[in-house]
Amino acid sequence: MYAIVEIAGQQFKVEKGNKLFVHRLENEEGSEVKFDKVLLVDKDDQVTVGTPTVGKANVSAKVLQHVKGDKVLVFKKKRRKGYQTLNGHRQQFTEIEIQDINA
């Protein structure tokens, strides 16, 4: 059984027991989160597609930890002008574990 869920503006294919890194959520570590925007559910090879979401379906997950992603370097340069800048960025992520899919 799997489902396609929209979490923080992105779509993820989830199954029970999966661990995902999603954009930073405001919930505390160890707390439980429910996601209501379920777009598709596959239960026993019977696919239910939502219009736009599947009614009364939700996915519950547990927040494991808040982490930072790898550093991304942004380098800008204009040739023959003596201009160059280097900026770094680290994205904030939340690691979640899927507990249950209710459909």
C-alpha atoms as a PDB file:
ATOM      1  CA  MET A   1       0.000   0.000   0.000  1.00  0.00           C
ATOM      2  CA  TYR A   2       1.344   3.402  -0.949  1.00  0.00           C
ATOM      3  CA  ALA A   3       0.099   6.950  -1.341  1.00  0.00           C
ATOM      4  CA  ILE A   4       1.178  10.156  -3.021  1.00  0.00           C
ATOM      5  CA  VAL A   5       1.069  13.050  -0.558  1.00  0.00           C
ATOM      6  CA  GLU A   6       1.740  16.758  -0.822  1.00  0.00           C
ATOM      7  CA  ILE A   7       4.027  17.841   2.025  1.00  0.00           C
ATOM      8  CA  ALA A   8       5.251  21.446   2.272  1.00  0.00           C
ATOM      9  CA  GLY A   9       4.545  22.116  -1.409  1.00  0.00           C
ATOM     10  CA  GLN A  10       6.215  18.957  -2.771  1.00  0.00           C
ATOM     11  CA  GLN A  11       4.759  15.591  -3.713  1.00  0.00           C
ATOM     12  CA  PHE A  12       6.161  12.389  -2.209  1.00  0.00           C
ATOM     13  CA  LYS A  13       5.390   8.712  -2.735  1.00  0.00           C
ATOM     14  CA  VAL A  14       5.124   7.233   0.769  1.00  0.00           C
ATOM     15  CA  GLU A  15       4.747   3.782   2.267  1.00  0.00           C
ATOM     16  CA  LYS A  16       4.531   2.729   5.894  1.00  0.00           C
ATOM     17  CA  GLY A  17       7.973   2.827   7.501  1.00  0.00           C
ATOM     18  CA  ASN A  18       9.561   5.184   4.939  1.00  0.00           C
ATOM     19  CA  LYS A  19      11.908   7.907   6.151  1.00  0.00           C
ATOM     20  CA  LEU A  20      11.841  11.184   4.210  1.00  0.00           C
ATOM     21  CA  PHE A  21      13.625  14.516   4.272  1.00  0.00           C
ATOM     22  CA  VAL A  22      11.079  17.293   3.681  1.00  0.00           C
ATOM     23  CA  HIS A  23      11.351  21.066   3.865  1.00  0.00           C
ATOM     24  CA  ARG A  24      11.490  22.355   7.421  1.00  0.00           C
ATOM     25  CA  LEU A  25       8.282  21.766   9.439  1.00  0.00           C
ATOM     26  CA  GLU A  26       7.434  23.789  12.543  1.00  0.00           C
ATOM     27  CA  ASN A  27       6.632  20.720  14.663  1.00  0.00           C
ATOM     28  CA  GLU A  28       8.896  19.626  17.522  1.00  0.00           C
ATOM     29  CA  GLU A  29      11.064  16.519  17.384  1.00  0.00           C
ATOM     30  CA  GLY A  30       9.186  13.430  18.522  1.00  0.00           C
ATOM     31  CA  SER A  31       5.751  14.878  17.749  1.00  0.00           C
ATOM     32  CA  GLU A  32       3.199  13.364  15.387  1.00  0.00           C
ATOM     33  CA  VAL A  33       2.069  15.114  12.179  1.00  0.00           C
ATOM     34  CA  LYS A  34      -0.930  14.399   9.944  1.00  0.00           C
ATOM     35  CA  PHE A  35      -1.000  15.277   6.252  1.00  0.00           C
ATOM     36  CA  ASP A  36      -4.448  15.646   4.664  1.00  0.00           C
ATOM     37  CA  LYS A  37      -3.461  16.428   1.060  1.00  0.00           C
ATOM     38  CA  VAL A  38      -3.469  12.836  -0.221  1.00  0.00           C
ATOM     39  CA  LEU A  39      -3.534  12.883  -4.016  1.00  0.00           C
ATOM     40  CA  LEU A  40      -3.542   9.129  -4.750  1.00  0.00           C
ATOM     41  CA  VAL A  41      -3.930   5.902  -2.784  1.00  0.00           C
ATOM     42  CA  ASP A  42      -3.033   2.392  -3.977  1.00  0.00           C
ATOM     43  CA  LYS A  43      -4.564  -0.209  -1.651  1.00  0.00           C
ATOM     44  CA  ASP A  44      -4.407  -3.877  -2.680  1.00  0.00           C
ATOM     45  CA  ASP A  45      -3.823  -2.920  -6.368  1.00  0.00           C
ATOM     46  CA  GLN A  46      -6.940  -0.739  -6.313  1.00  0.00           C
ATOM     47  CA  VAL A  47      -5.964   2.824  -7.230  1.00  0.00           C
ATOM     48  CA  THR A  48      -8.018   5.783  -5.986  1.00  0.00           C
ATOM     49  CA  VAL A  49      -7.207   9.128  -7.590  1.00  0.00           C
ATOM     50  CA  GLY A  50      -8.392  12.285  -5.875  1.00  0.00           C
ATOM     51  CA  THR A  51     -10.116  15.262  -7.463  1.00  0.00           C
ATOM     52  CA  PRO A  52      -7.874  17.012  -6.348  1.00  0.00           C
ATOM     53  CA  THR A  53      -7.530  15.090  -3.053  1.00  0.00           C
ATOM     54  CA  VAL A  54      -8.873  11.781  -1.783  1.00  0.00           C
ATOM     55  CA  GLY A  55     -11.610  12.466   0.755  1.00  0.00           C
ATOM     56  CA  LYS A  56     -11.118  11.336   4.372  1.00  0.00           C
ATOM     57  CA  ALA A  57      -7.628  10.023   3.597  1.00  0.00           C
ATOM     58  CA  ASN A  58      -4.632  11.112   5.611  1.00  0.00           C
ATOM     59  CA  VAL A  59      -1.075  10.099   6.361  1.00  0.00           C
ATOM     60  CA  SER A  60       0.386  10.216   9.849  1.00  0.00           C
ATOM     61  CA  ALA A  61       4.105  10.642  10.420  1.00  0.00           C
ATOM     62  CA  LYS A  62       6.531  11.157  13.285  1.00  0.00           C
ATOM     63  CA  VAL A  63       9.112  13.959  13.276  1.00  0.00           C
ATOM     64  CA  LEU A  64      12.523  12.398  13.920  1.00  0.00           C
ATOM     65  CA  GLN A  65      14.896  15.365  13.722  1.00  0.00           C
ATOM     66  CA  HIS A  66      15.638  18.732  12.149  1.00  0.00           C
ATOM     67  CA  VAL A  67      18.799  18.821  10.021  1.00  0.00           C
ATOM     68  CA  LYS A  68      20.645  21.020   7.554  1.00  0.00           C
ATOM     69  CA  GLY A  69      21.398  19.868   4.028  1.00  0.00           C
ATOM     70  CA  ASP A  70      24.739  19.985   2.235  1.00  0.00           C
ATOM     71  CA  LYS A  71      26.259  23.370   1.488  1.00  0.00           C
ATOM     72  CA  VAL A  72      25.541  24.705  -1.995  1.00  0.00           C
ATOM     73  CA  LEU A  73      28.061  27.228  -3.322  1.00  0.00           C
ATOM     74  CA  VAL A  74      26.830  30.020  -5.605  1.00  0.00           C
ATOM     75  CA  PHE A  75      29.722  31.600  -7.536  1.00  0.00           C
ATOM     76  CA  LYS A  76      29.185  34.638  -9.753  1.00  0.00           C
ATOM     77  CA  LYS A  77      31.823  36.193 -12.000  1.00  0.00           C
ATOM     78  CA  LYS A  78      31.981  38.726 -14.807  1.00  0.00           C
ATOM     79  CA  ARG A  79      35.025  38.335 -16.938  1.00  0.00           C
ATOM     80  CA  ARG A  80      37.469  41.210 -17.376  1.00  0.00           C
ATOM     81  CA  LYS A  81      35.597  43.352 -14.823  1.00  0.00           C
ATOM     82  CA  GLY A  82      37.241  42.185 -11.610  1.00  0.00           C
ATOM     83  CA  TYR A  83      33.849  41.122 -10.175  1.00  0.00           C
ATOM     84  CA  GLN A  84      33.346  37.847  -8.378  1.00  0.00           C
ATOM     85  CA  THR A  85      31.274  36.775  -5.385  1.00  0.00           C
ATOM     86  CA  LEU A  86      30.912  33.496  -3.545  1.00  0.00           C
ATOM     87  CA  ASN A  87      27.828  32.742  -1.474  1.00  0.00           C
ATOM     88  CA  GLY A  88      26.920  29.581   0.402  1.00  0.00           C
ATOM     89  CA  HIS A  89      23.524  28.184   1.371  1.00  0.00           C
ATOM     90  CA  ARG A  90      22.362  25.277   3.536  1.00  0.00           C
ATOM     91  CA  GLN A  91      18.718  24.239   3.273  1.00  0.00           C
ATOM     92  CA  GLN A  92      16.811  23.336   6.442  1.00  0.00           C
ATOM     93  CA  PHE A  93      15.161  19.894   6.373  1.00  0.00           C
ATOM     94  CA  THR A  94      13.006  17.794   8.685  1.00  0.00           C
ATOM     95  CA  GLU A  95      13.388  14.013   8.758  1.00  0.00           C
ATOM     96  CA  ILE A  96      10.050  12.232   9.171  1.00  0.00           C
ATOM     97  CA  GLU A  97       9.026   8.581   9.396  1.00  0.00           C
ATOM     98  CA  ILE A  98       5.676   7.467   7.962  1.00  0.00           C
ATOM     99  CA  GLN A  99       3.630   5.729  10.661  1.00  0.00           C
ATOM    100  CA  ASP A 100       0.325   4.938   8.939  1.00  0.00           C
ATOM    101  CA  ILE A 101      -1.745   5.558   5.790  1.00  0.00           C
ATOM    102  CA  ASN A 102      -5.481   5.905   6.482  1.00  0.00           C
ATOM    103  CA  ALA A 103      -7.653   5.555   3.372  1.00  0.00           C
END
